[in-house]
Amino acid sequence: MRAGTGLLGLGAKARRLAIGVEAARAALQRGAAEGLVIAADASPRAREKLLPLAMHRGVTVLVGPLAEEFGLLLGRPPVHGVAVLDRQLARGLRAYLEAEDRGEKVTV
């Protein structure tokens, strides 16, 4: 997940992420989200708020690192969900995770 988290870090610096459950939910509601990354250990409440809306909007949902690691990566307290606002960044994350699932080595 190292390269994938690097992409998320770049997205945060470029201000192309809506960080946190409420910010991600708002981005999903207004149709600005191109992807959703949810922490591997996201709370049931966070999942309840984000997943149905993402499915309804047809937004790809990716599983990220643990909430504590996610927060450290983004310079925040534990983060349970992030909406990706940039289409190219969302594509890059999807491609990375799909390659990782196939067992391919990916460098970014």
Protein backbone atom coordinates (compact mmCIF):
# COMPACT_ATOMS: atom_id res chain seq x y z
CA MET A 1 0.00 0.00 0.00
CA ARG A 2 3.08 2.25 0.19
CA ALA A 3 2.73 3.70 -3.32
CA GLY A 4 -1.02 4.08 -2.87
CA THR A 5 -0.57 6.01 0.34
CA GLY A 6 2.00 8.17 -1.44
CA LEU A 7 -0.66 9.08 -3.99
CA LEU A 8 -3.03 9.99 -1.17
CA GLY A 9 -0.36 12.18 0.40
CA LEU A 10 0.12 14.01 -2.89
CA GLY A 11 -3.64 14.43 -3.23
CA ALA A 12 -3.79 15.96 0.24
CA LYS A 13 -1.02 18.42 -0.59
CA ALA A 14 -2.82 19.38 -3.80
CA ARG A 15 -6.06 19.81 -1.82
CA ARG A 16 -7.83 17.22 -3.99
CA LEU A 17 -9.17 15.19 -1.06
CA ALA A 18 -12.13 15.69 1.24
CA ILE A 19 -10.68 14.33 4.48
CA GLY A 20 -12.89 12.88 7.20
CA VAL A 21 -16.29 11.23 7.22
CA GLU A 22 -18.34 14.43 7.15
CA ALA A 23 -16.22 16.09 4.44
CA ALA A 24 -16.30 12.91 2.35
CA ARG A 25 -20.05 12.62 2.81
CA ALA A 26 -20.56 16.22 1.69
CA ALA A 27 -18.40 15.63 -1.41
CA LEU A 28 -20.41 12.52 -2.25
CA GLN A 29 -23.70 14.38 -1.78
CA ARG A 30 -22.73 17.21 -4.11
CA GLY A 31 -21.36 14.79 -6.73
CA ALA A 32 -17.75 15.98 -6.46
CA ALA A 33 -16.24 12.64 -5.39
CA GLU A 34 -14.46 10.54 -8.00
CA GLY A 35 -13.52 7.86 -5.49
CA LEU A 36 -13.83 6.98 -1.82
CA VAL A 37 -11.09 5.53 0.34
CA ILE A 38 -12.30 4.06 3.59
CA ALA A 39 -10.03 2.94 6.42
CA ALA A 40 -9.64 -0.80 6.79
CA ASP A 41 -10.89 -0.51 10.36
CA ALA A 42 -13.50 2.20 9.75
CA SER A 43 -16.23 2.37 12.35
CA PRO A 44 -19.64 0.92 11.54
CA ARG A 45 -21.07 4.46 11.74
CA ALA A 46 -18.55 5.76 9.18
CA ARG A 47 -19.37 2.87 6.85
CA GLU A 48 -23.08 3.52 7.36
CA LYS A 49 -22.69 7.18 6.38
CA LEU A 50 -20.41 6.70 3.37
CA LEU A 51 -20.90 3.34 1.67
CA PRO A 52 -24.60 3.55 0.71
CA LEU A 53 -24.12 7.04 -0.70
CA ALA A 54 -21.03 6.00 -2.66
CA MET A 55 -22.87 2.98 -4.08
CA HIS A 56 -25.85 5.14 -5.01
CA ARG A 57 -23.60 7.63 -6.80
CA GLY A 58 -21.58 4.91 -8.53
CA VAL A 59 -18.34 5.98 -6.87
CA THR A 60 -15.58 3.39 -6.58
CA VAL A 61 -14.81 2.45 -2.99
CA LEU A 62 -11.26 1.49 -2.08
CA VAL A 63 -10.03 0.12 1.25
CA GLY A 64 -7.13 2.10 2.66
CA PRO A 65 -4.82 1.67 5.65
CA LEU A 66 -5.93 1.54 9.27
CA ALA A 67 -7.51 4.77 10.54
CA GLU A 68 -4.52 5.61 12.74
CA GLU A 69 -2.06 5.18 9.85
CA PHE A 70 -4.39 7.05 7.52
CA GLY A 71 -4.42 9.99 9.92
CA LEU A 72 -0.64 9.99 10.29
CA LEU A 73 -0.25 9.95 6.52
CA LEU A 74 -2.53 12.97 6.16
CA GLY A 75 -1.24 14.83 9.22
CA ARG A 76 -4.49 14.44 11.13
CA PRO A 77 -6.00 12.40 13.96
CA PRO A 78 -7.34 8.96 12.90
CA VAL A 79 -9.20 9.24 9.58
CA HIS A 80 -11.99 6.83 8.67
CA GLY A 81 -12.88 8.09 5.20
CA VAL A 82 -11.58 10.28 2.39
CA ALA A 83 -13.27 11.33 -0.83
CA VAL A 84 -10.95 11.70 -3.80
CA LEU A 85 -11.95 14.80 -5.77
CA ASP A 86 -9.60 14.38 -8.73
CA ARG A 87 -10.46 11.92 -11.52
CA GLN A 88 -6.83 11.15 -12.42
CA LEU A 89 -5.88 10.55 -8.79
CA ALA A 90 -8.85 8.21 -8.37
CA ARG A 91 -7.81 6.30 -11.51
CA GLY A 92 -4.24 6.03 -10.26
CA LEU A 93 -5.34 4.66 -6.89
CA ARG A 94 -7.66 2.13 -8.57
CA ALA A 95 -4.94 0.99 -10.96
CA TYR A 96 -2.45 0.65 -8.13
CA LEU A 97 -4.78 -1.41 -5.95
CA GLU A 98 -5.88 -3.63 -8.84
CA ALA A 99 -2.23 -4.36 -9.71
CA GLU A 100 -1.47 -5.02 -6.04
CA ASP A 101 -4.39 -7.48 -5.89
CA ARG A 102 -2.91 -9.33 -8.88
CA GLY A 103 0.39 -9.56 -7.00
CA GLU A 104 2.26 -7.24 -9.35
CA LYS A 105 4.95 -4.94 -8.07
CA VAL A 106 3.96 -1.31 -8.55
CA THR A 107 6.19 1.72 -8.29
CA VAL A 108 4.93 5.27 -8.37
